Amino acid sequence: MDNDDNQSVGSSSSTSSVSNTKVSCPYCVTTIVGKYMFDYTESDKLPEDDQPIVISDDVWIGAGAIILSGVNIGRGAIVAAGSVVNKNVPPYAIVGGIPAKVIKYRWDEKTIELHEKLCKG
């Protein structure tokens, strides 16, 4: 799903928001925010402040996670509940914490390669 707020959510992924974003679903609670946590007028913003947030396919995001602008969440990644994601998340990584750090990967390298091959058909 793409929308006018420079956010993209891949298939098999879902999210909801407490901030001013149009990406939402009725059964999960995640916050996707830009650089500022309070109101700014368009004239106050710099062009680099509106960086896109990209959430790839098959991503799981736990309740209360915060994803900051400019972040890309790789395919198959898992974001732990309550995490603050301020950097890109590699594909199939499991991240958590404040700030979010890689805890481990969902599978070993061979399994990830096989999964990617099967997903591409």
PDB file of N, CA and C in Angstrom:
ATOM      1  N   MET A   1       0.841  -1.154   0.000  1.00  0.00           N
ATOM      2  CA  MET A   1       0.000   0.000   0.000  1.00  0.00           C
ATOM      3  C   MET A   1       0.896   1.228   0.000  1.00  0.00           C
ATOM      4  N   ASP A   2       0.670   2.129  -0.910  1.00  0.00           N
ATOM      5  CA  ASP A   2       1.374   3.402  -0.941  1.00  0.00           C
ATOM      6  C   ASP A   2       0.352   4.488  -0.663  1.00  0.00           C
ATOM      7  N   ASN A   3       0.784   5.598  -0.091  1.00  0.00           N
ATOM      8  CA  ASN A   3      -0.146   6.701   0.101  1.00  0.00           C
ATOM      9  C   ASN A   3       0.579   8.019  -0.062  1.00  0.00           C
ATOM     10  N   ASP A   4      -0.166   9.111   0.127  1.00  0.00           N
ATOM     11  CA  ASP A   4       0.369  10.446  -0.113  1.00  0.00           C
ATOM     12  C   ASP A   4       1.341  10.918   0.955  1.00  0.00           C
ATOM     13  N   ASP A   5       1.489  10.180   2.048  1.00  0.00           N
ATOM     14  CA  ASP A   5       2.368  10.596   3.143  1.00  0.00           C
ATOM     15  C   ASP A   5       3.767  10.015   3.027  1.00  0.00           C
ATOM     16  N   ASN A   6       4.173   9.582   1.833  1.00  0.00           N
ATOM     17  CA  ASN A   6       5.496   9.002   1.621  1.00  0.00           C
ATOM     18  C   ASN A   6       5.728   7.761   2.459  1.00  0.00           C
ATOM     19  N   GLN A   7       4.706   6.925   2.595  1.00  0.00           N
ATOM     20  CA  GLN A   7       4.847   5.673   3.310  1.00  0.00           C
ATOM     21  C   GLN A   7       4.419   4.549   2.392  1.00  0.00           C
ATOM     22  N   SER A   8       5.043   3.409   2.554  1.00  0.00           N
ATOM     23  CA  SER A   8       4.739   2.254   1.728  1.00  0.00           C
ATOM     24  C   SER A   8       4.724   1.019   2.607  1.00  0.00           C
ATOM     25  N   VAL A   9       3.673   0.215   2.463  1.00  0.00           N
ATOM     26  CA  VAL A   9       3.558  -1.017   3.226  1.00  0.00           C
ATOM     27  C   VAL A   9       3.375  -2.155   2.239  1.00  0.00           C
ATOM     28  N   GLY A  10       4.248  -3.166   2.316  1.00  0.00           N
ATOM     29  CA  GLY A  10       4.199  -4.292   1.394  1.00  0.00           C
ATOM     30  C   GLY A  10       3.039  -5.229   1.696  1.00  0.00           C
ATOM     31  N   SER A  11       2.799  -6.177   0.783  1.00  0.00           N
ATOM     32  CA  SER A  11       1.727  -7.143   0.979  1.00  0.00           C
ATOM     33  C   SER A  11       2.027  -8.027   2.177  1.00  0.00           C
ATOM     34  N   SER A  12       1.013  -8.578   2.779  1.00  0.00           N
ATOM     35  CA  SER A  12       1.101  -9.407   3.986  1.00  0.00           C
ATOM     36  C   SER A  12       1.648  -8.621   5.174  1.00  0.00           C
ATOM     37  N   SER A  13       1.608  -7.297   5.107  1.00  0.00           N
ATOM     38  CA  SER A  13       2.033  -6.437   6.210  1.00  0.00           C
ATOM     39  C   SER A  13       0.863  -5.545   6.573  1.00  0.00           C
ATOM     40  N   SER A  14       0.798  -5.173   7.835  1.00  0.00           N
ATOM     41  CA  SER A  14      -0.271  -4.272   8.257  1.00  0.00           C
ATOM     42  C   SER A  14       0.214  -3.415   9.406  1.00  0.00           C
ATOM     43  N   THR A  15      -0.445  -2.286   9.608  1.00  0.00           N
ATOM     44  CA  THR A  15      -0.065  -1.370  10.661  1.00  0.00           C
ATOM     45  C   THR A  15      -1.237  -0.479  11.011  1.00  0.00           C
ATOM     46  N   SER A  16      -1.136   0.186  12.129  1.00  0.00           N
ATOM     47  CA  SER A  16      -2.127   1.155  12.550  1.00  0.00           C
ATOM     48  C   SER A  16      -1.364   2.340  13.106  1.00  0.00           C
ATOM     49  N   SER A  17      -2.051   3.436  13.326  1.00  0.00           N
ATOM     50  CA  SER A  17      -1.316   4.621  13.721  1.00  0.00           C
ATOM     51  C   SER A  17      -2.049   5.460  14.750  1.00  0.00           C
ATOM     52  N   VAL A  18      -1.251   6.086  15.604  1.00  0.00           N
ATOM     53  CA  VAL A  18      -1.770   7.075  16.518  1.00  0.00           C
ATOM     54  C   VAL A  18      -1.315   8.450  16.046  1.00  0.00           C
ATOM     55  N   SER A  19      -0.403   8.488  15.100  1.00  0.00           N
ATOM     56  CA  SER A  19       0.089   9.752  14.547  1.00  0.00           C
ATOM     57  C   SER A  19      -0.700  10.088  13.296  1.00  0.00           C
ATOM     58  N   ASN A  20      -0.284  11.121  12.591  1.00  0.00           N
ATOM     59  CA  ASN A  20      -1.027  11.545  11.412  1.00  0.00           C
ATOM     60  C   ASN A  20      -0.535  10.815  10.173  1.00  0.00           C
ATOM     61  N   THR A  21      -0.933   9.584  10.033  1.00  0.00           N
ATOM     62  CA  THR A  21      -0.597   8.794   8.866  1.00  0.00           C
ATOM     63  C   THR A  21      -1.851   8.112   8.366  1.00  0.00           C
ATOM     64  N   LYS A  22      -1.893   7.810   7.084  1.00  0.00           N
ATOM     65  CA  LYS A  22      -3.059   7.172   6.490  1.00  0.00           C
ATOM     66  C   LYS A  22      -2.935   5.662   6.442  1.00  0.00           C
ATOM     67  N   VAL A  23      -1.790   5.119   6.813  1.00  0.00           N
ATOM     68  CA  VAL A  23      -1.575   3.675   6.770  1.00  0.00           C
ATOM     69  C   VAL A  23      -2.162   3.098   8.049  1.00  0.00           C
ATOM     70  N   SER A  24      -3.212   2.283   7.945  1.00  0.00           N
ATOM     71  CA  SER A  24      -3.813   1.769   9.172  1.00  0.00           C
ATOM     72  C   SER A  24      -4.579   0.473   8.963  1.00  0.00           C
ATOM     73  N   CYS A  25      -4.796  -0.238  10.048  1.00  0.00           N
ATOM     74  CA  CYS A  25      -5.661  -1.400  10.080  1.00  0.00           C
ATOM     75  C   CYS A  25      -6.346  -1.403  11.435  1.00  0.00           C
ATOM     76  N   PRO A  26      -7.507  -2.036  11.564  1.00  0.00           N
ATOM     77  CA  PRO A  26      -8.262  -1.935  12.804  1.00  0.00           C
ATOM     78  C   PRO A  26      -7.767  -2.834  13.937  1.00  0.00           C
ATOM     79  N   TYR A  27      -6.785  -3.710  13.714  1.00  0.00           N
ATOM     80  CA  TYR A  27      -6.453  -4.701  14.729  1.00  0.00           C
ATOM     81  C   TYR A  27      -5.016  -4.682  15.207  1.00  0.00           C
ATOM     82  N   CYS A  28      -4.286  -3.623  14.963  1.00  0.00           N
ATOM     83  CA  CYS A  28      -2.933  -3.526  15.503  1.00  0.00           C
ATOM     84  C   CYS A  28      -2.632  -2.071  15.843  1.00  0.00           C
ATOM     85  N   VAL A  29      -1.689  -1.846  16.757  1.00  0.00           N
ATOM     86  CA  VAL A  29      -1.379  -0.487  17.193  1.00  0.00           C
ATOM     87  C   VAL A  29       0.115  -0.245  17.053  1.00  0.00           C
ATOM     88  N   THR A  30       0.490   0.528  16.064  1.00  0.00           N
ATOM     89  CA  THR A  30       1.876   0.895  15.820  1.00  0.00           C
ATOM     90  C   THR A  30       1.903   2.352  15.405  1.00  0.00           C
ATOM     91  N   THR A  31       2.914   3.062  15.810  1.00  0.00           N
ATOM     92  CA  THR A  31       3.019   4.467  15.461  1.00  0.00           C
ATOM     93  C   THR A  31       4.109   4.649  14.415  1.00  0.00           C
ATOM     94  N   ILE A  32       3.766   5.335  13.345  1.00  0.00           N
ATOM     95  CA  ILE A  32       4.745   5.675  12.311  1.00  0.00           C
ATOM     96  C   ILE A  32       4.828   7.189  12.297  1.00  0.00           C
ATOM     97  N   VAL A  33       6.001   7.718  12.595  1.00  0.00           N
ATOM     98  CA  VAL A  33       6.122   9.157  12.755  1.00  0.00           C
ATOM     99  C   VAL A  33       7.213   9.726  11.864  1.00  0.00           C
ATOM    100  N   GLY A  34       7.104  11.014  11.664  1.00  0.00           N
ATOM    101  CA  GLY A  34       8.143  11.734  10.953  1.00  0.00           C
ATOM    102  C   GLY A  34       9.166  12.273  11.934  1.00  0.00           C
ATOM    103  N   LYS A  35       9.871  13.298  11.521  1.00  0.00           N
ATOM    104  CA  LYS A  35      10.940  13.844  12.345  1.00  0.00           C
ATOM    105  C   LYS A  35      10.400  14.565  13.580  1.00  0.00           C
ATOM    106  N   TYR A  36       9.220  15.154  13.464  1.00  0.00           N
ATOM    107  CA  TYR A  36       8.707  15.980  14.541  1.00  0.00           C
ATOM    108  C   TYR A  36       7.534  15.303  15.234  1.00  0.00           C
ATOM    109  N   MET A  37       7.516  15.362  16.556  1.00  0.00           N
ATOM    110  CA  MET A  37       6.437  14.758  17.334  1.00  0.00           C
ATOM    111  C   MET A  37       5.353  15.777  17.681  1.00  0.00           C
ATOM    112  N   PHE A  38       5.451  16.981  17.169  1.00  0.00           N
ATOM    113  CA  PHE A  38       4.444  18.000  17.439  1.00  0.00           C
ATOM    114  C   PHE A  38       4.198  18.766  16.144  1.00  0.00           C
ATOM    115  N   ASP A  39       3.210  19.652  16.166  1.00  0.00           N
ATOM    116  CA  ASP A  39       2.782  20.330  14.946  1.00  0.00           C
ATOM    117  C   ASP A  39       3.807  21.335  14.439  1.00  0.00           C
ATOM    118  N   TYR A  40       4.068  21.236  13.157  1.00  0.00           N
ATOM    119  CA  TYR A  40       4.892  22.189  12.436  1.00  0.00           C
ATOM    120  C   TYR A  40       4.118  22.584  11.195  1.00  0.00           C
ATOM    121  N   THR A  41       4.299  23.794  10.738  1.00  0.00           N
ATOM    122  CA  THR A  41       3.690  24.184   9.471  1.00  0.00           C
ATOM    123  C   THR A  41       4.610  23.741   8.344  1.00  0.00           C
ATOM    124  N   GLU A  42       4.070  23.640   7.165  1.00  0.00           N
ATOM    125  CA  GLU A  42       4.873  23.238   6.001  1.00  0.00           C
ATOM    126  C   GLU A  42       6.067  24.166   5.812  1.00  0.00           C
ATOM    127  N   SER A  43       5.908  25.445   6.111  1.00  0.00           N
ATOM    128  CA  SER A  43       7.012  26.397   5.913  1.00  0.00           C
ATOM    129  C   SER A  43       8.152  26.170   6.912  1.00  0.00           C
ATOM    130  N   ASP A  44       7.864  25.506   8.049  1.00  0.00           N
ATOM    131  CA  ASP A  44       8.893  25.213   9.046  1.00  0.00           C
ATOM    132  C   ASP A  44       9.763  24.030   8.658  1.00  0.00           C
ATOM    133  N   LYS A  45       9.245  23.168   7.799  1.00  0.00           N
ATOM    134  CA  LYS A  45       9.951  21.928   7.459  1.00  0.00           C
ATOM    135  C   LYS A  45      11.048  22.152   6.426  1.00  0.00           C
ATOM    136  N   LEU A  46      12.061  21.311   6.521  1.00  0.00           N
ATOM    137  CA  LEU A  46      13.103  21.260   5.502  1.00  0.00           C
ATOM    138  C   LEU A  46      12.765  20.118   4.550  1.00  0.00           C
ATOM    139  N   PRO A  47      13.217  20.170   3.282  1.00  0.00           N
ATOM    140  CA  PRO A  47      12.895  19.088   2.345  1.00  0.00           C
ATOM    141  C   PRO A  47      13.325  17.710   2.837  1.00  0.00           C
ATOM    142  N   GLU A  48      14.439  17.620   3.539  1.00  0.00           N
ATOM    143  CA  GLU A  48      14.917  16.316   4.007  1.00  0.00           C
ATOM    144  C   GLU A  48      14.104  15.783   5.203  1.00  0.00           C
ATOM    145  N   ASP A  49      13.200  16.603   5.761  1.00  0.00           N
ATOM    146  CA  ASP A  49      12.381  16.153   6.886  1.00  0.00           C
ATOM    147  C   ASP A  49      11.315  15.143   6.470  1.00  0.00           C
ATOM    148  N   ASP A  50      10.899  15.161   5.221  1.00  0.00           N
ATOM    149  CA  ASP A  50       9.841  14.277   4.740  1.00  0.00           C
ATOM    150  C   ASP A  50      10.407  13.072   4.008  1.00  0.00           C
ATOM    151  N   GLN A  51      11.238  12.303   4.667  1.00  0.00           N
ATOM    152  CA  GLN A  51      11.793  11.106   4.062  1.00  0.00           C
ATOM    153  C   GLN A  51      10.761   9.989   4.147  1.00  0.00           C
ATOM    154  N   PRO A  52      10.697   9.132   3.126  1.00  0.00           N
ATOM    155  CA  PRO A  52       9.688   8.070   3.130  1.00  0.00           C
ATOM    156  C   PRO A  52       9.983   6.979   4.161  1.00  0.00           C
ATOM    157  N   ILE A  53       8.923   6.351   4.631  1.00  0.00           N
ATOM    158  CA  ILE A  53       9.004   5.167   5.479  1.00  0.00           C
ATOM    159  C   ILE A  53       8.545   4.011   4.602  1.00  0.00           C
ATOM    160  N   VAL A  54       9.371   2.977   4.457  1.00  0.00           N
ATOM    161  CA  VAL A  54       9.027   1.842   3.602  1.00  0.00           C
ATOM    162  C   VAL A  54       8.986   0.574   4.449  1.00  0.00           C
ATOM    163  N   ILE A  55       7.838  -0.090   4.423  1.00  0.00           N
ATOM    164  CA  ILE A  55       7.675  -1.360   5.120  1.00  0.00           C
ATOM    165  C   ILE A  55       7.460  -2.421   4.053  1.00  0.00           C
ATOM    166  N   SER A  56       8.402  -3.324   3.909  1.00  0.00           N
ATOM    167  CA  SER A  56       8.371  -4.333   2.841  1.00  0.00           C
ATOM    168  C   SER A  56       7.376  -5.443   3.142  1.00  0.00           C
ATOM    169  N   ASP A  57       7.313  -6.428   2.242  1.00  0.00           N
ATOM    170  CA  ASP A  57       6.392  -7.550   2.365  1.00  0.00           C
ATOM    171  C   ASP A  57       6.682  -8.408   3.587  1.00  0.00           C
ATOM    172  N   ASP A  58       5.613  -8.988   4.130  1.00  0.00           N
ATOM    173  CA  ASP A  58       5.702  -9.996   5.191  1.00  0.00           C
ATOM    174  C   ASP A  58       6.425  -9.504   6.444  1.00  0.00           C
ATOM    175  N   VAL A  59       6.172  -8.256   6.816  1.00  0.00           N
ATOM    176  CA  VAL A  59       6.796  -7.658   7.995  1.00  0.00           C
ATOM    177  C   VAL A  59       5.816  -7.720   9.157  1.00  0.00           C
ATOM    178  N   TRP A  60       6.309  -8.063  10.332  1.00  0.00           N
ATOM    179  CA  TRP A  60       5.499  -8.067  11.549  1.00  0.00           C
ATOM    180  C   TRP A  60       5.988  -6.928  12.424  1.00  0.00           C
ATOM    181  N   ILE A  61       5.062  -6.079  12.881  1.00  0.00           N
ATOM    182  CA  ILE A  61       5.420  -4.962  13.754  1.00  0.00           C
ATOM    183  C   ILE A  61       4.594  -5.077  15.020  1.00  0.00           C
ATOM    184  N   GLY A  62       5.279  -5.178  16.151  1.00  0.00           N
ATOM    185  CA  GLY A  62       4.603  -5.331  17.432  1.00  0.00           C
ATOM    186  C   GLY A  62       3.906  -4.063  17.883  1.00  0.00           C
ATOM    187  N   ALA A  63       2.949  -4.241  18.790  1.00  0.00           N
ATOM    188  CA  ALA A  63       2.163  -3.133  19.330  1.00  0.00           C
ATOM    189  C   ALA A  63       3.063  -2.075  19.953  1.00  0.00           C
ATOM    190  N   GLY A  64       2.729  -0.817  19.688  1.00  0.00           N
ATOM    191  CA  GLY A  64       3.438   0.291  20.306  1.00  0.00           C
ATOM    192  C   GLY A  64       4.801   0.603  19.723  1.00  0.00           C
ATOM    193  N   ALA A  65       5.197  -0.096  18.660  1.00  0.00           N
ATOM    194  CA  ALA A  65       6.486   0.210  18.025  1.00  0.00           C
ATOM    195  C   ALA A  65       6.396   1.567  17.350  1.00  0.00           C
ATOM    196  N   ILE A  66       7.494   2.287  17.343  1.00  0.00           N
ATOM    197  CA  ILE A  66       7.569   3.593  16.697  1.00  0.00           C
ATOM    198  C   ILE A  66       8.605   3.496  15.590  1.00  0.00           C
ATOM    199  N   ILE A  67       8.209   3.884  14.375  1.00  0.00           N
ATOM    200  CA  ILE A  67       9.110   3.842  13.219  1.00  0.00           C
ATOM    201  C   ILE A  67       9.295   5.268  12.741  1.00  0.00           C
ATOM    202  N   LEU A  68      10.529   5.739  12.769  1.00  0.00           N
ATOM    203  CA  LEU A  68      10.816   7.124  12.399  1.00  0.00           C
ATOM    204  C   LEU A  68      10.973   7.280  10.893  1.00  0.00           C
ATOM    205  N   SER A  69      10.823   8.504  10.418  1.00  0.00           N
ATOM    206  CA  SER A  69      10.902   8.765   8.981  1.00  0.00           C
ATOM    207  C   SER A  69      12.275   8.398   8.427  1.00  0.00           C
ATOM    208  N   GLY A  70      12.288   8.008   7.169  1.00  0.00           N
ATOM    209  CA  GLY A  70      13.524   7.649   6.495  1.00  0.00           C
ATOM    210  C   GLY A  70      13.938   6.205   6.691  1.00  0.00           C
ATOM    211  N   VAL A  71      13.151   5.419   7.420  1.00  0.00           N
ATOM    212  CA  VAL A  71      13.505   4.043   7.734  1.00  0.00           C
ATOM    213  C   VAL A  71      12.894   3.087   6.710  1.00  0.00           C
ATOM    214  N   ASN A  72      13.672   2.083   6.319  1.00  0.00           N
ATOM    215  CA  ASN A  72      13.196   0.982   5.474  1.00  0.00           C
ATOM    216  C   ASN A  72      13.216  -0.287   6.312  1.00  0.00           C
ATOM    217  N   ILE A  73      12.081  -0.972   6.364  1.00  0.00           N
ATOM    218  CA  ILE A  73      11.982  -2.249   7.071  1.00  0.00           C
ATOM    219  C   ILE A  73      12.021  -3.335   5.999  1.00  0.00           C
ATOM    220  N   GLY A  74      13.060  -4.176   6.009  1.00  0.00           N
ATOM    221  CA  GLY A  74      13.271  -5.192   4.985  1.00  0.00           C
ATOM    222  C   GLY A  74      12.256  -6.321   5.028  1.00  0.00           C
ATOM    223  N   ARG A  75      12.130  -7.019   3.924  1.00  0.00           N
ATOM    224  CA  ARG A  75      11.193  -8.130   3.766  1.00  0.00           C
ATOM    225  C   ARG A  75      11.355  -9.134   4.912  1.00  0.00           C
ATOM    226  N   GLY A  76      10.216  -9.558   5.456  1.00  0.00           N
ATOM    227  CA  GLY A  76      10.221 -10.609   6.456  1.00  0.00           C
ATOM    228  C   GLY A  76      10.754 -10.236   7.821  1.00  0.00           C
ATOM    229  N   ALA A  77      11.011  -8.955   8.051  1.00  0.00           N
ATOM    230  CA  ALA A  77      11.557  -8.533   9.344  1.00  0.00           C
ATOM    231  C   ALA A  77      10.469  -8.555  10.422  1.00  0.00           C
ATOM    232  N   ILE A  78      10.902  -8.620  11.663  1.00  0.00           N
ATOM    233  CA  ILE A  78      10.006  -8.564  12.814  1.00  0.00           C
ATOM    234  C   ILE A  78      10.502  -7.453  13.730  1.00  0.00           C
ATOM    235  N   VAL A  79       9.587  -6.538  14.090  1.00  0.00           N
ATOM    236  CA  VAL A  79       9.912  -5.446  15.004  1.00  0.00           C
ATOM    237  C   VAL A  79       9.196  -5.725  16.321  1.00  0.00           C
ATOM    238  N   ALA A  80       9.943  -5.829  17.403  1.00  0.00           N
ATOM    239  CA  ALA A  80       9.375  -6.135  18.718  1.00  0.00           C
ATOM    240  C   ALA A  80       8.477  -5.006  19.211  1.00  0.00           C
ATOM    241  N   ALA A  81       7.490  -5.360  20.000  1.00  0.00           N
ATOM    242  CA  ALA A  81       6.578  -4.390  20.594  1.00  0.00           C
ATOM    243  C   ALA A  81       7.359  -3.351  21.390  1.00  0.00           C
ATOM    244  N   GLY A  82       6.935  -2.095  21.263  1.00  0.00           N
ATOM    245  CA  GLY A  82       7.542  -1.016  22.029  1.00  0.00           C
ATOM    246  C   GLY A  82       8.879  -0.519  21.527  1.00  0.00           C
ATOM    247  N   SER A  83       9.366  -1.063  20.427  1.00  0.00           N
ATOM    248  CA  SER A  83      10.671  -0.651  19.889  1.00  0.00           C
ATOM    249  C   SER A  83      10.588   0.721  19.236  1.00  0.00           C
ATOM    250  N   VAL A  84      11.715   1.409  19.192  1.00  0.00           N
ATOM    251  CA  VAL A  84      11.834   2.657  18.447  1.00  0.00           C
ATOM    252  C   VAL A  84      12.838   2.399  17.334  1.00  0.00           C
ATOM    253  N   VAL A  85      12.347   2.385  16.093  1.00  0.00           N
ATOM    254  CA  VAL A  85      13.181   2.052  14.943  1.00  0.00           C
ATOM    255  C   VAL A  85      13.646   3.353  14.295  1.00  0.00           C
ATOM    256  N   ASN A  86      14.943   3.627  14.396  1.00  0.00           N
ATOM    257  CA  ASN A  86      15.492   4.865  13.837  1.00  0.00           C
ATOM    258  C   ASN A  86      16.496   4.606  12.715  1.00  0.00           C
ATOM    259  N   LYS A  87      16.738   3.324  12.404  1.00  0.00           N
ATOM    260  CA  LYS A  87      17.652   2.951  11.310  1.00  0.00           C
ATOM    261  C   LYS A  87      17.021   1.839  10.493  1.00  0.00           C
ATOM    262  N   ASN A  88      17.516   1.640   9.280  1.00  0.00           N
ATOM    263  CA  ASN A  88      16.994   0.589   8.417  1.00  0.00           C
ATOM    264  C   ASN A  88      17.117  -0.783   9.076  1.00  0.00           C
ATOM    265  N   VAL A  89      16.135  -1.640   8.789  1.00  0.00           N
ATOM    266  CA  VAL A  89      16.118  -3.004   9.327  1.00  0.00           C
ATOM    267  C   VAL A  89      16.387  -3.962   8.173  1.00  0.00           C
ATOM    268  N   PRO A  90      17.412  -4.820   8.268  1.00  0.00           N
ATOM    269  CA  PRO A  90      17.716  -5.756   7.186  1.00  0.00           C
ATOM    270  C   PRO A  90      16.595  -6.789   7.004  1.00  0.00           C
ATOM    271  N   PRO A  91      16.485  -7.356   5.805  1.00  0.00           N
ATOM    272  CA  PRO A  91      15.498  -8.409   5.582  1.00  0.00           C
ATOM    273  C   PRO A  91      15.679  -9.564   6.569  1.00  0.00           C
ATOM    274  N   TYR A  92      14.551 -10.070   7.071  1.00  0.00           N
ATOM    275  CA  TYR A  92      14.478 -11.243   7.956  1.00  0.00           C
ATOM    276  C   TYR A  92      15.148 -11.034   9.311  1.00  0.00           C
ATOM    277  N   ALA A  93      15.440  -9.787   9.662  1.00  0.00           N
ATOM    278  CA  ALA A  93      16.007  -9.502  10.984  1.00  0.00           C
ATOM    279  C   ALA A  93      14.891  -9.393  12.014  1.00  0.00           C
ATOM    280  N   ILE A  94      15.195  -9.752  13.234  1.00  0.00           N
ATOM    281  CA  ILE A  94      14.308  -9.523  14.370  1.00  0.00           C
ATOM    282  C   ILE A  94      14.971  -8.422  15.182  1.00  0.00           C
ATOM    283  N   VAL A  95      14.273  -7.291  15.319  1.00  0.00           N
ATOM    284  CA  VAL A  95      14.851  -6.143  16.021  1.00  0.00           C
ATOM    285  C   VAL A  95      13.988  -5.783  17.222  1.00  0.00           C
ATOM    286  N   GLY A  96      14.623  -5.174  18.205  1.00  0.00           N
ATOM    287  CA  GLY A  96      13.903  -4.716  19.377  1.00  0.00           C
ATOM    288  C   GLY A  96      14.737  -3.753  20.178  1.00  0.00           C
ATOM    289  N   GLY A  97      14.078  -3.007  21.037  1.00  0.00           N
ATOM    290  CA  GLY A  97      14.773  -2.091  21.927  1.00  0.00           C
ATOM    291  C   GLY A  97      14.587  -0.637  21.559  1.00  0.00           C
ATOM    292  N   ILE A  98      15.202   0.219  22.386  1.00  0.00           N
ATOM    293  CA  ILE A  98      15.170   1.660  22.174  1.00  0.00           C
ATOM    294  C   ILE A  98      16.602   2.160  22.243  1.00  0.00           C
ATOM    295  N   PRO A  99      17.230   2.454  21.137  1.00  0.00           N
ATOM    296  CA  PRO A  99      16.747   2.264  19.765  1.00  0.00           C
ATOM    297  C   PRO A  99      16.786   0.775  19.378  1.00  0.00           C
ATOM    298  N   ALA A 100      16.033   0.427  18.353  1.00  0.00           N
ATOM    299  CA  ALA A 100      15.964  -0.971  17.914  1.00  0.00           C
ATOM    300  C   ALA A 100      17.308  -1.433  17.373  1.00  0.00           C
ATOM    301  N   LYS A 101      17.685  -2.628  17.785  1.00  0.00           N
ATOM    302  CA  LYS A 101      18.925  -3.267  17.307  1.00  0.00           C
ATOM    303  C   LYS A 101      18.577  -4.690  16.880  1.00  0.00           C
ATOM    304  N   VAL A 102      19.396  -5.248  15.967  1.00  0.00           N
ATOM    305  CA  VAL A 102      19.168  -6.622  15.529  1.00  0.00           C
ATOM    306  C   VAL A 102      19.433  -7.567  16.695  1.00  0.00           C
ATOM    307  N   ILE A 103      18.433  -8.378  17.014  1.00  0.00           N
ATOM    308  CA  ILE A 103      18.561  -9.390  18.066  1.00  0.00           C
ATOM    309  C   ILE A 103      19.086 -10.677  17.444  1.00  0.00           C
ATOM    310  N   LYS A 104      18.481 -11.050  16.337  1.00  0.00           N
ATOM    311  CA  LYS A 104      18.900 -12.218  15.567  1.00  0.00           C
ATOM    312  C   LYS A 104      18.153 -12.189  14.238  1.00  0.00           C
ATOM    313  N   TYR A 105      18.392 -13.191  13.415  1.00  0.00           N
ATOM    314  CA  TYR A 105      17.678 -13.319  12.148  1.00  0.00           C
ATOM    315  C   TYR A 105      16.701 -14.476  12.253  1.00  0.00           C
ATOM    316  N   ARG A 106      15.601 -14.385  11.503  1.00  0.00           N
ATOM    317  CA  ARG A 106      14.566 -15.421  11.564  1.00  0.00           C
ATOM    318  C   ARG A 106      15.114 -16.788  11.168  1.00  0.00           C
ATOM    319  N   TRP A 107      15.996 -16.820  10.175  1.00  0.00           N
ATOM    320  CA  TRP A 107      16.547 -18.079   9.671  1.00  0.00           C
ATOM    321  C   TRP A 107      18.024 -17.904   9.378  1.00  0.00           C
ATOM    322  N   ASP A 108      18.705 -19.030   9.130  1.00  0.00           N
ATOM    323  CA  ASP A 108      20.107 -18.944   8.722  1.00  0.00           C
ATOM    324  C   ASP A 108      20.162 -18.483   7.253  1.00  0.00           C
ATOM    325  N   GLU A 109      21.367 -18.171   6.802  1.00  0.00           N
ATOM    326  CA  GLU A 109      21.560 -17.603   5.470  1.00  0.00           C
ATOM    327  C   GLU A 109      21.042 -18.501   4.344  1.00  0.00           C
ATOM    328  N   LYS A 110      21.267 -19.809   4.453  1.00  0.00           N
ATOM    329  CA  LYS A 110      20.807 -20.748   3.422  1.00  0.00           C
ATOM    330  C   LYS A 110      19.285 -20.772   3.326  1.00  0.00           C
ATOM    331  N   THR A 111      18.623 -20.772   4.468  1.00  0.00           N
ATOM    332  CA  THR A 111      17.161 -20.794   4.484  1.00  0.00           C
ATOM    333  C   THR A 111      16.594 -19.498   3.910  1.00  0.00           C
ATOM    334  N   ILE A 112      17.227 -18.368   4.228  1.00  0.00           N
ATOM    335  CA  ILE A 112      16.787 -17.084   3.673  1.00  0.00           C
ATOM    336  C   ILE A 112      16.915 -17.107   2.149  1.00  0.00           C
ATOM    337  N   GLU A 113      18.038 -17.604   1.627  1.00  0.00           N
ATOM    338  CA  GLU A 113      18.225 -17.693   0.174  1.00  0.00           C
ATOM    339  C   GLU A 113      17.164 -18.568  -0.466  1.00  0.00           C
ATOM    340  N   LEU A 114      16.865 -19.725   0.141  1.00  0.00           N
ATOM    341  CA  LEU A 114      15.828 -20.616  -0.372  1.00  0.00           C
ATOM    342  C   LEU A 114      14.463 -19.945  -0.342  1.00  0.00           C
ATOM    343  N   HIS A 115      14.165 -19.276   0.747  1.00  0.00           N
ATOM    344  CA  HIS A 115      12.877 -18.564   0.884  1.00  0.00           C
ATOM    345  C   HIS A 115      12.741 -17.501  -0.202  1.00  0.00           C
ATOM    346  N   GLU A 116      13.796 -16.711  -0.403  1.00  0.00           N
ATOM    347  CA  GLU A 116      13.770 -15.665  -1.434  1.00  0.00           C
ATOM    348  C   GLU A 116      13.552 -16.282  -2.826  1.00  0.00           C
ATOM    349  N   LYS A 117      14.215 -17.388  -3.084  1.00  0.00           N
ATOM    350  CA  LYS A 117      14.069 -18.062  -4.376  1.00  0.00           C
ATOM    351  C   LYS A 117      12.620 -18.524  -4.575  1.00  0.00           C
ATOM    352  N   LEU A 118      12.023 -19.090  -3.532  1.00  0.00           N
ATOM    353  CA  LEU A 118      10.639 -19.564  -3.621  1.00  0.00           C
ATOM    354  C   LEU A 118       9.655 -18.396  -3.766  1.00  0.00           C
ATOM    355  N   CYS A 119       9.942 -17.282  -3.107  1.00  0.00           N
ATOM    356  CA  CYS A 119       9.054 -16.115  -3.187  1.00  0.00           C
ATOM    357  C   CYS A 119       9.059 -15.489  -4.572  1.00  0.00           C
ATOM    358  N   LYS A 120      10.176 -15.571  -5.256  1.00  0.00           N
ATOM    359  CA  LYS A 120      10.281 -14.983  -6.602  1.00  0.00           C
ATOM    360  C   LYS A 120       9.687 -15.888  -7.657  1.00  0.00           C
ATOM    361  N   GLY A 121       9.328 -17.107  -7.254  1.00  0.00           N
ATOM    362  CA  GLY A 121       8.627 -18.011  -8.163  1.00  0.00           C
ATOM    363  C   GLY A 121       9.507 -18.779  -9.022  1.00  0.00           C
TER     364      GLY A 121
END
